[in-house]
Amino acid sequence: PEGWYENALNAYVLEDALPRLGRGYLMSFERAYLYRGVC
């Protein structure tokens, strides 16, 4: 993440070719889960 979170994220994406390494990409997540412990 650039500026909004400090650790790297893992993602699986559909691409016709390997994306170039470096800047210039935008990411979002279609679904997320919020937990406190097991709740």
ModelCIF file with pLDDT and N, C-alpha, C, O atoms, coordinates in Angstrom:
data_MODEL
#
_entry.id   MODEL 
#
_entity.id                         1 
_entity.type                       polymer 
_entity.pdbx_number_of_molecules   1 
#
_entity_poly.entity_id                      1 
_entity_poly.type                           'polypeptide(L)' 
_entity_poly.nstd_linkage                   no 
_entity_poly.nstd_monomer                   no 
_entity_poly.pdbx_seq_one_letter_code       PEGWYENALNAYVLEDALPRLGRGYLMSFERAYLYRGVC 
_entity_poly.pdbx_seq_one_letter_code_can   PEGWYENALNAYVLEDALPRLGRGYLMSFERAYLYRGVC 
_entity_poly.pdbx_strand_id                 A 
#
loop_
_entity_poly_seq.entity_id 
_entity_poly_seq.num 
_entity_poly_seq.mon_id 
_entity_poly_seq.hetero 
1 1  PRO n 
1 2  GLU n 
1 3  GLY n 
1 4  TRP n 
1 5  TYR n 
1 6  GLU n 
1 7  ASN n 
1 8  ALA n 
1 9  LEU n 
1 10 ASN n 
1 11 ALA n 
1 12 TYR n 
1 13 VAL n 
1 14 LEU n 
1 15 GLU n 
1 16 ASP n 
1 17 ALA n 
1 18 LEU n 
1 19 PRO n 
1 20 ARG n 
1 21 LEU n 
1 22 GLY n 
1 23 ARG n 
1 24 GLY n 
1 25 TYR n 
1 26 LEU n 
1 27 MET n 
1 28 SER n 
1 29 PHE n 
1 30 GLU n 
1 31 ARG n 
1 32 ALA n 
1 33 TYR n 
1 34 LEU n 
1 35 TYR n 
1 36 ARG n 
1 37 GLY n 
1 38 VAL n 
1 39 CYS n 
#
_struct_asym.id          A 
_struct_asym.entity_id   1 
#
loop_
_ma_qa_metric.id 
_ma_qa_metric.mode 
_ma_qa_metric.name 
_ma_qa_metric.software_group_id 
_ma_qa_metric.type 
1 global pLDDT . pLDDT 
2 local  pLDDT . pLDDT 
#
_ma_qa_metric_global.metric_id      1 
_ma_qa_metric_global.metric_value   81.05 
_ma_qa_metric_global.model_id       1 
_ma_qa_metric_global.ordinal_id     1 
#
loop_
_ma_qa_metric_local.label_asym_id 
_ma_qa_metric_local.label_comp_id 
_ma_qa_metric_local.label_seq_id 
_ma_qa_metric_local.metric_id 
_ma_qa_metric_local.metric_value 
_ma_qa_metric_local.model_id 
_ma_qa_metric_local.ordinal_id 
A PRO 1  2 87.00 1 1  
A GLU 2  2 84.00 1 2  
A GLY 3  2 77.00 1 3  
A TRP 4  2 77.00 1 4  
A TYR 5  2 82.00 1 5  
A GLU 6  2 84.00 1 6  
A ASN 7  2 87.00 1 7  
A ALA 8  2 90.00 1 8  
A LEU 9  2 90.00 1 9  
A ASN 10 2 90.00 1 10 
A ALA 11 2 88.00 1 11 
A TYR 12 2 86.00 1 12 
A VAL 13 2 80.00 1 13 
A LEU 14 2 77.00 1 14 
A GLU 15 2 69.00 1 15 
A ASP 16 2 68.00 1 16 
A ALA 17 2 68.00 1 17 
A LEU 18 2 74.00 1 18 
A PRO 19 2 80.00 1 19 
A ARG 20 2 83.00 1 20 
A LEU 21 2 89.00 1 21 
A GLY 22 2 88.00 1 22 
A ARG 23 2 87.00 1 23 
A GLY 24 2 84.00 1 24 
A TYR 25 2 86.00 1 25 
A LEU 26 2 84.00 1 26 
A MET 27 2 81.00 1 27 
A SER 28 2 77.00 1 28 
A PHE 29 2 75.00 1 29 
A GLU 30 2 76.00 1 30 
A ARG 31 2 77.00 1 31 
A ALA 32 2 78.00 1 32 
A TYR 33 2 81.00 1 33 
A LEU 34 2 80.00 1 34 
A TYR 35 2 84.00 1 35 
A ARG 36 2 81.00 1 36 
A GLY 37 2 81.00 1 37 
A VAL 38 2 77.00 1 38 
A CYS 39 2 74.00 1 39 
#
loop_
_atom_site.group_PDB 
_atom_site.id 
_atom_site.type_symbol 
_atom_site.label_atom_id 
_atom_site.label_alt_id 
_atom_site.label_comp_id 
_atom_site.label_asym_id 
_atom_site.label_entity_id 
_atom_site.label_seq_id 
_atom_site.pdbx_PDB_ins_code 
_atom_site.Cartn_x 
_atom_site.Cartn_y 
_atom_site.Cartn_z 
_atom_site.occupancy 
_atom_site.B_iso_or_equiv 
_atom_site.pdbx_formal_charge 
_atom_site.auth_seq_id 
_atom_site.auth_comp_id 
_atom_site.auth_asym_id 
_atom_site.auth_atom_id 
_atom_site.pdbx_PDB_model_num 
ATOM 1   N N  . PRO A 1 1  ? 0.829   -1.208  0.000   1.00 87.00 ? 1  PRO A N  1 
ATOM 2   C CA . PRO A 1 1  ? 0.000   0.000   0.000   1.00 87.00 ? 1  PRO A CA 1 
ATOM 3   C C  . PRO A 1 1  ? 0.869   1.265   0.000   1.00 87.00 ? 1  PRO A C  1 
ATOM 4   O O  . PRO A 1 1  ? 1.916   1.320   0.644   1.00 87.00 ? 1  PRO A O  1 
ATOM 5   N N  . GLU A 1 2  ? 0.408   2.269   -0.733  1.00 84.00 ? 2  GLU A N  1 
ATOM 6   C CA . GLU A 1 2  ? 1.121   3.544   -0.775  1.00 84.00 ? 2  GLU A CA 1 
ATOM 7   C C  . GLU A 1 2  ? 0.470   4.535   0.174   1.00 84.00 ? 2  GLU A C  1 
ATOM 8   O O  . GLU A 1 2  ? -0.498  5.209   -0.178  1.00 84.00 ? 2  GLU A O  1 
ATOM 9   N N  . GLY A 1 3  ? 1.014   4.614   1.384   1.00 77.00 ? 3  GLY A N  1 
ATOM 10  C CA . GLY A 1 3  ? 0.608   5.670   2.294   1.00 77.00 ? 3  GLY A CA 1 
ATOM 11  C C  . GLY A 1 3  ? -0.567  5.372   3.189   1.00 77.00 ? 3  GLY A C  1 
ATOM 12  O O  . GLY A 1 3  ? -0.764  6.087   4.172   1.00 77.00 ? 3  GLY A O  1 
ATOM 13  N N  . TRP A 1 4  ? -1.373  4.341   2.902   1.00 77.00 ? 4  TRP A N  1 
ATOM 14  C CA . TRP A 1 4  ? -2.577  4.129   3.706   1.00 77.00 ? 4  TRP A CA 1 
ATOM 15  C C  . TRP A 1 4  ? -2.463  2.924   4.651   1.00 77.00 ? 4  TRP A C  1 
ATOM 16  O O  . TRP A 1 4  ? -3.304  2.759   5.534   1.00 77.00 ? 4  TRP A O  1 
ATOM 17  N N  . TYR A 1 5  ? -1.432  2.078   4.476   1.00 82.00 ? 5  TYR A N  1 
ATOM 18  C CA . TYR A 1 5  ? -1.209  0.955   5.388   1.00 82.00 ? 5  TYR A CA 1 
ATOM 19  C C  . TYR A 1 5  ? 0.236   0.519   5.214   1.00 82.00 ? 5  TYR A C  1 
ATOM 20  O O  . TYR A 1 5  ? 0.809   0.665   4.134   1.00 82.00 ? 5  TYR A O  1 
ATOM 21  N N  . GLU A 1 6  ? 0.831   -0.021  6.287   1.00 84.00 ? 6  GLU A N  1 
ATOM 22  C CA . GLU A 1 6  ? 2.279   -0.232  6.263   1.00 84.00 ? 6  GLU A CA 1 
ATOM 23  C C  . GLU A 1 6  ? 2.729   -1.592  5.747   1.00 84.00 ? 6  GLU A C  1 
ATOM 24  O O  . GLU A 1 6  ? 3.869   -1.711  5.297   1.00 84.00 ? 6  GLU A O  1 
ATOM 25  N N  . ASN A 1 7  ? 1.886   -2.627  5.792   1.00 87.00 ? 7  ASN A N  1 
ATOM 26  C CA . ASN A 1 7  ? 2.304   -3.973  5.404   1.00 87.00 ? 7  ASN A CA 1 
ATOM 27  C C  . ASN A 1 7  ? 1.794   -4.358  4.021   1.00 87.00 ? 7  ASN A C  1 
ATOM 28  O O  . ASN A 1 7  ? 0.779   -3.841  3.554   1.00 87.00 ? 7  ASN A O  1 
ATOM 29  N N  . ALA A 1 8  ? 2.511   -5.273  3.373   1.00 90.00 ? 8  ALA A N  1 
ATOM 30  C CA . ALA A 1 8  ? 2.125   -5.725  2.035   1.00 90.00 ? 8  ALA A CA 1 
ATOM 31  C C  . ALA A 1 8  ? 0.865   -6.588  2.097   1.00 90.00 ? 8  ALA A C  1 
ATOM 32  O O  . ALA A 1 8  ? 0.588   -7.231  3.109   1.00 90.00 ? 8  ALA A O  1 
ATOM 33  N N  . LEU A 1 9  ? 0.108   -6.592  0.999   1.00 90.00 ? 9  LEU A N  1 
ATOM 34  C CA . LEU A 1 9  ? -1.112  -7.376  0.870   1.00 90.00 ? 9  LEU A CA 1 
ATOM 35  C C  . LEU A 1 9  ? -0.929  -8.449  -0.196  1.00 90.00 ? 9  LEU A C  1 
ATOM 36  O O  . LEU A 1 9  ? -0.250  -8.230  -1.199  1.00 90.00 ? 9  LEU A O  1 
ATOM 37  N N  . ASN A 1 10 ? -1.545  -9.620  0.030   1.00 90.00 ? 10 ASN A N  1 
ATOM 38  C CA . ASN A 1 10 ? -1.567  -10.673 -0.978  1.00 90.00 ? 10 ASN A CA 1 
ATOM 39  C C  . ASN A 1 10 ? -2.867  -10.579 -1.755  1.00 90.00 ? 10 ASN A C  1 
ATOM 40  O O  . ASN A 1 10 ? -3.924  -10.320 -1.181  1.00 90.00 ? 10 ASN A O  1 
ATOM 41  N N  . ALA A 1 11 ? -2.787  -10.790 -3.064  1.00 88.00 ? 11 ALA A N  1 
ATOM 42  C CA . ALA A 1 11 ? -3.982  -10.725 -3.896  1.00 88.00 ? 11 ALA A CA 1 
ATOM 43  C C  . ALA A 1 11 ? -3.850  -11.701 -5.056  1.00 88.00 ? 11 ALA A C  1 
ATOM 44  O O  . ALA A 1 11 ? -2.751  -11.944 -5.556  1.00 88.00 ? 11 ALA A O  1 
ATOM 45  N N  . TYR A 1 12 ? -4.995  -12.264 -5.483  1.00 86.00 ? 12 TYR A N  1 
ATOM 46  C CA . TYR A 1 12 ? -5.047  -13.073 -6.698  1.00 86.00 ? 12 TYR A CA 1 
ATOM 47  C C  . TYR A 1 12 ? -5.859  -12.291 -7.720  1.00 86.00 ? 12 TYR A C  1 
ATOM 48  O O  . TYR A 1 12 ? -7.009  -11.935 -7.463  1.00 86.00 ? 12 TYR A O  1 
ATOM 49  N N  . VAL A 1 13 ? -5.267  -12.026 -8.869  1.00 80.00 ? 13 VAL A N  1 
ATOM 50  C CA . VAL A 1 13 ? -5.948  -11.230 -9.876  1.00 80.00 ? 13 VAL A CA 1 
ATOM 51  C C  . VAL A 1 13 ? -5.925  -11.957 -11.210 1.00 80.00 ? 13 VAL A C  1 
ATOM 52  O O  . VAL A 1 13 ? -5.044  -12.777 -11.469 1.00 80.00 ? 13 VAL A O  1 
ATOM 53  N N  . LEU A 1 14 ? -6.900  -11.649 -12.050 1.00 77.00 ? 14 LEU A N  1 
ATOM 54  C CA . LEU A 1 14 ? -6.965  -12.204 -13.402 1.00 77.00 ? 14 LEU A CA 1 
ATOM 55  C C  . LEU A 1 14 ? -6.307  -11.226 -14.360 1.00 77.00 ? 14 LEU A C  1 
ATOM 56  O O  . LEU A 1 14 ? -6.743  -10.083 -14.499 1.00 77.00 ? 14 LEU A O  1 
ATOM 57  N N  . GLU A 1 15 ? -5.273  -11.681 -15.005 1.00 69.00 ? 15 GLU A N  1 
ATOM 58  C CA . GLU A 1 15 ? -4.544  -10.850 -15.952 1.00 69.00 ? 15 GLU A CA 1 
ATOM 59  C C  . GLU A 1 15 ? -4.168  -11.706 -17.158 1.00 69.00 ? 15 GLU A C  1 
ATOM 60  O O  . GLU A 1 15 ? -3.986  -12.918 -17.035 1.00 69.00 ? 15 GLU A O  1 
ATOM 61  N N  . ASP A 1 16 ? -4.053  -11.070 -18.322 1.00 68.00 ? 16 ASP A N  1 
ATOM 62  C CA . ASP A 1 16 ? -3.581  -11.773 -19.510 1.00 68.00 ? 16 ASP A CA 1 
ATOM 63  C C  . ASP A 1 16 ? -2.068  -11.957 -19.481 1.00 68.00 ? 16 ASP A C  1 
ATOM 64  O O  . ASP A 1 16 ? -1.538  -12.873 -20.111 1.00 68.00 ? 16 ASP A O  1 
ATOM 65  N N  . ALA A 1 17 ? -1.377  -11.090 -18.752 1.00 68.00 ? 17 ALA A N  1 
ATOM 66  C CA . ALA A 1 17 ? 0.076   -11.164 -18.641 1.00 68.00 ? 17 ALA A CA 1 
ATOM 67  C C  . ALA A 1 17 ? 0.485   -10.686 -17.257 1.00 68.00 ? 17 ALA A C  1 
ATOM 68  O O  . ALA A 1 17 ? -0.282  -10.007 -16.574 1.00 68.00 ? 17 ALA A O  1 
ATOM 69  N N  . LEU A 1 18 ? 1.686   -11.041 -16.851 1.00 74.00 ? 18 LEU A N  1 
ATOM 70  C CA . LEU A 1 18 ? 2.161   -10.597 -15.551 1.00 74.00 ? 18 LEU A CA 1 
ATOM 71  C C  . LEU A 1 18 ? 2.203   -9.078  -15.496 1.00 74.00 ? 18 LEU A C  1 
ATOM 72  O O  . LEU A 1 18 ? 2.743   -8.451  -16.408 1.00 74.00 ? 18 LEU A O  1 
ATOM 73  N N  . PRO A 1 19 ? 1.645   -8.465  -14.447 1.00 80.00 ? 19 PRO A N  1 
ATOM 74  C CA . PRO A 1 19 ? 1.731   -7.008  -14.329 1.00 80.00 ? 19 PRO A CA 1 
ATOM 75  C C  . PRO A 1 19 ? 3.177   -6.573  -14.095 1.00 80.00 ? 19 PRO A C  1 
ATOM 76  O O  . PRO A 1 19 ? 3.971   -7.303  -13.502 1.00 80.00 ? 19 PRO A O  1 
ATOM 77  N N  . ARG A 1 20 ? 3.497   -5.395  -14.563 1.00 83.00 ? 20 ARG A N  1 
ATOM 78  C CA . ARG A 1 20 ? 4.835   -4.865  -14.327 1.00 83.00 ? 20 ARG A CA 1 
ATOM 79  C C  . ARG A 1 20 ? 5.005   -4.529  -12.851 1.00 83.00 ? 20 ARG A C  1 
ATOM 80  O O  . ARG A 1 20 ? 4.068   -4.091  -12.183 1.00 83.00 ? 20 ARG A O  1 
ATOM 81  N N  . LEU A 1 21 ? 6.206   -4.740  -12.365 1.00 89.00 ? 21 LEU A N  1 
ATOM 82  C CA . LEU A 1 21 ? 6.479   -4.383  -10.975 1.00 89.00 ? 21 LEU A CA 1 
ATOM 83  C C  . LEU A 1 21 ? 6.622   -2.871  -10.857 1.00 89.00 ? 21 LEU A C  1 
ATOM 84  O O  . LEU A 1 21 ? 7.080   -2.198  -11.780 1.00 89.00 ? 21 LEU A O  1 
ATOM 85  N N  . GLY A 1 22 ? 6.218   -2.353  -9.694  1.00 88.00 ? 22 GLY A N  1 
ATOM 86  C CA . GLY A 1 22 ? 6.358   -0.928  -9.449  1.00 88.00 ? 22 GLY A CA 1 
ATOM 87  C C  . GLY A 1 22 ? 5.045   -0.229  -9.181  1.00 88.00 ? 22 GLY A C  1 
ATOM 88  O O  . GLY A 1 22 ? 4.032   -0.868  -8.898  1.00 88.00 ? 22 GLY A O  1 
ATOM 89  N N  . ARG A 1 23 ? 5.070   1.095   -9.272  1.00 87.00 ? 23 ARG A N  1 
ATOM 90  C CA . ARG A 1 23 ? 3.903   1.918   -8.959  1.00 87.00 ? 23 ARG A CA 1 
ATOM 91  C C  . ARG A 1 23 ? 2.932   1.965   -10.137 1.00 87.00 ? 23 ARG A C  1 
ATOM 92  O O  . ARG A 1 23 ? 3.171   1.411   -11.210 1.00 87.00 ? 23 ARG A O  1 
ATOM 93  N N  . GLY A 1 24 ? 1.812   2.665   -9.872  1.00 84.00 ? 24 GLY A N  1 
ATOM 94  C CA . GLY A 1 24 ? 0.856   2.903   -10.940 1.00 84.00 ? 24 GLY A CA 1 
ATOM 95  C C  . GLY A 1 24 ? -0.325  1.961   -10.951 1.00 84.00 ? 24 GLY A C  1 
ATOM 96  O O  . GLY A 1 24 ? -0.974  1.803   -11.986 1.00 84.00 ? 24 GLY A O  1 
ATOM 97  N N  . TYR A 1 25 ? -0.629  1.315   -9.803  1.00 86.00 ? 25 TYR A N  1 
ATOM 98  C CA . TYR A 1 25 ? -1.765  0.401   -9.731  1.00 86.00 ? 25 TYR A CA 1 
ATOM 99  C C  . TYR A 1 25 ? -2.733  0.835   -8.633  1.00 86.00 ? 25 TYR A C  1 
ATOM 100 O O  . TYR A 1 25 ? -2.347  1.450   -7.639  1.00 86.00 ? 25 TYR A O  1 
ATOM 101 N N  . LEU A 1 26 ? -3.994  0.496   -8.845  1.00 84.00 ? 26 LEU A N  1 
ATOM 102 C CA . LEU A 1 26 ? -5.047  0.755   -7.866  1.00 84.00 ? 26 LEU A CA 1 
ATOM 103 C C  . LEU A 1 26 ? -5.681  -0.567  -7.469  1.00 84.00 ? 26 LEU A C  1 
ATOM 104 O O  . LEU A 1 26 ? -5.901  -1.434  -8.315  1.00 84.00 ? 26 LEU A O  1 
ATOM 105 N N  . MET A 1 27 ? -5.974  -0.721  -6.185  1.00 81.00 ? 27 MET A N  1 
ATOM 106 C CA . MET A 1 27 ? -6.540  -1.974  -5.690  1.00 81.00 ? 27 MET A CA 1 
ATOM 107 C C  . MET A 1 27 ? -7.756  -1.702  -4.824  1.00 81.00 ? 27 MET A C  1 
ATOM 108 O O  . MET A 1 27 ? -7.814  -0.705  -4.104  1.00 81.00 ? 27 MET A O  1 
ATOM 109 N N  . SER A 1 28 ? -8.728  -2.604  -4.906  1.00 77.00 ? 28 SER A N  1 
ATOM 110 C CA . SER A 1 28 ? -9.877  -2.585  -4.002  1.00 77.00 ? 28 SER A CA 1 
ATOM 111 C C  . SER A 1 28 ? -10.234 -4.029  -3.682  1.00 77.00 ? 28 SER A C  1 
ATOM 112 O O  . SER A 1 28 ? -9.711  -4.952  -4.306  1.00 77.00 ? 28 SER A O  1 
ATOM 113 N N  . PHE A 1 29 ? -11.123 -4.230  -2.713  1.00 75.00 ? 29 PHE A N  1 
ATOM 114 C CA . PHE A 1 29 ? -11.556 -5.572  -2.335  1.00 75.00 ? 29 PHE A CA 1 
ATOM 115 C C  . PHE A 1 29 ? -13.067 -5.646  -2.415  1.00 75.00 ? 29 PHE A C  1 
ATOM 116 O O  . PHE A 1 29 ? -13.777 -4.796  -1.878  1.00 75.00 ? 29 PHE A O  1 
ATOM 117 N N  . GLU A 1 30 ? -13.552 -6.688  -3.100  1.00 76.00 ? 30 GLU A N  1 
ATOM 118 C CA . GLU A 1 30 ? -14.982 -6.848  -3.335  1.00 76.00 ? 30 GLU A CA 1 
ATOM 119 C C  . GLU A 1 30 ? -15.737 -7.229  -2.070  1.00 76.00 ? 30 GLU A C  1 
ATOM 120 O O  . GLU A 1 30 ? -16.932 -6.958  -1.949  1.00 76.00 ? 30 GLU A O  1 
ATOM 121 N N  . ARG A 1 31 ? -15.038 -7.858  -1.126  1.00 77.00 ? 31 ARG A N  1 
ATOM 122 C CA . ARG A 1 31 ? -15.692 -8.331  0.092   1.00 77.00 ? 31 ARG A CA 1 
ATOM 123 C C  . ARG A 1 31 ? -14.687 -8.274  1.230   1.00 77.00 ? 31 ARG A C  1 
ATOM 124 O O  . ARG A 1 31 ? -13.489 -8.450  1.013   1.00 77.00 ? 31 ARG A O  1 
ATOM 125 N N  . ALA A 1 32 ? -15.165 -8.032  2.430   1.00 78.00 ? 32 ALA A N  1 
ATOM 126 C CA . ALA A 1 32 ? -14.281 -7.986  3.594   1.00 78.00 ? 32 ALA A CA 1 
ATOM 127 C C  . ALA A 1 32 ? -15.032 -8.496  4.812   1.00 78.00 ? 32 ALA A C  1 
ATOM 128 O O  . ALA A 1 32 ? -16.262 -8.559  4.813   1.00 78.00 ? 32 ALA A O  1 
ATOM 129 N N  . TYR A 1 33 ? -14.282 -8.862  5.858   1.00 81.00 ? 33 TYR A N  1 
ATOM 130 C CA . TYR A 1 33 ? -14.867 -9.393  7.083   1.00 81.00 ? 33 TYR A CA 1 
ATOM 131 C C  . TYR A 1 33 ? -14.255 -8.665  8.269   1.00 81.00 ? 33 TYR A C  1 
ATOM 132 O O  . TYR A 1 33 ? -13.041 -8.470  8.337   1.00 81.00 ? 33 TYR A O  1 
ATOM 133 N N  . LEU A 1 34 ? -15.103 -8.270  9.193   1.00 80.00 ? 34 LEU A N  1 
ATOM 134 C CA . LEU A 1 34 ? -14.657 -7.549  10.372  1.00 80.00 ? 34 LEU A CA 1 
ATOM 135 C C  . LEU A 1 34 ? -14.858 -8.424  11.607  1.00 80.00 ? 34 LEU A C  1 
ATOM 136 O O  . LEU A 1 34 ? -15.961 -8.905  11.865  1.00 80.00 ? 34 LEU A O  1 
ATOM 137 N N  . TYR A 1 35 ? -13.786 -8.623  12.360  1.00 84.00 ? 35 TYR A N  1 
ATOM 138 C CA . TYR A 1 35 ? -13.832 -9.508  13.520  1.00 84.00 ? 35 TYR A CA 1 
ATOM 139 C C  . TYR A 1 35 ? -13.242 -8.838  14.746  1.00 84.00 ? 35 TYR A C  1 
ATOM 140 O O  . TYR A 1 35 ? -12.344 -8.001  14.656  1.00 84.00 ? 35 TYR A O  1 
ATOM 141 N N  . ARG A 1 36 ? -13.770 -9.232  15.887  1.00 81.00 ? 36 ARG A N  1 
ATOM 142 C CA . ARG A 1 36 ? -13.100 -9.017  17.161  1.00 81.00 ? 36 ARG A CA 1 
ATOM 143 C C  . ARG A 1 36 ? -13.003 -10.386 17.810  1.00 81.00 ? 36 ARG A C  1 
ATOM 144 O O  . ARG A 1 36 ? -14.004 -10.941 18.264  1.00 81.00 ? 36 ARG A O  1 
ATOM 145 N N  . GLY A 1 37 ? -11.788 -10.928 17.851  1.00 81.00 ? 37 GLY A N  1 
ATOM 146 C CA . GLY A 1 37 ? -11.630 -12.309 18.290  1.00 81.00 ? 37 GLY A CA 1 
ATOM 147 C C  . GLY A 1 37 ? -12.344 -13.232 17.316  1.00 81.00 ? 37 GLY A C  1 
ATOM 148 O O  . GLY A 1 37 ? -12.082 -13.193 16.114  1.00 81.00 ? 37 GLY A O  1 
ATOM 149 N N  . VAL A 1 38 ? -13.262 -14.077 17.838  1.00 77.00 ? 38 VAL A N  1 
ATOM 150 C CA . VAL A 1 38 ? -14.022 -14.965 16.957  1.00 77.00 ? 38 VAL A CA 1 
ATOM 151 C C  . VAL A 1 38 ? -15.397 -14.395 16.643  1.00 77.00 ? 38 VAL A C  1 
ATOM 152 O O  . VAL A 1 38 ? -16.230 -15.081 16.051  1.00 77.00 ? 38 VAL A O  1 
ATOM 153 N N  . CYS A 1 39 ? -15.643 -13.160 17.029  1.00 74.00 ? 39 CYS A N  1 
ATOM 154 C CA . CYS A 1 39 ? -16.941 -12.548 16.778  1.00 74.00 ? 39 CYS A CA 1 
ATOM 155 C C  . CYS A 1 39 ? -16.905 -11.758 15.492  1.00 74.00 ? 39 CYS A C  1 
ATOM 156 O O  . CYS A 1 39 ? -17.911 -11.163 15.104  1.00 74.00 ? 39 CYS A O  1 
#
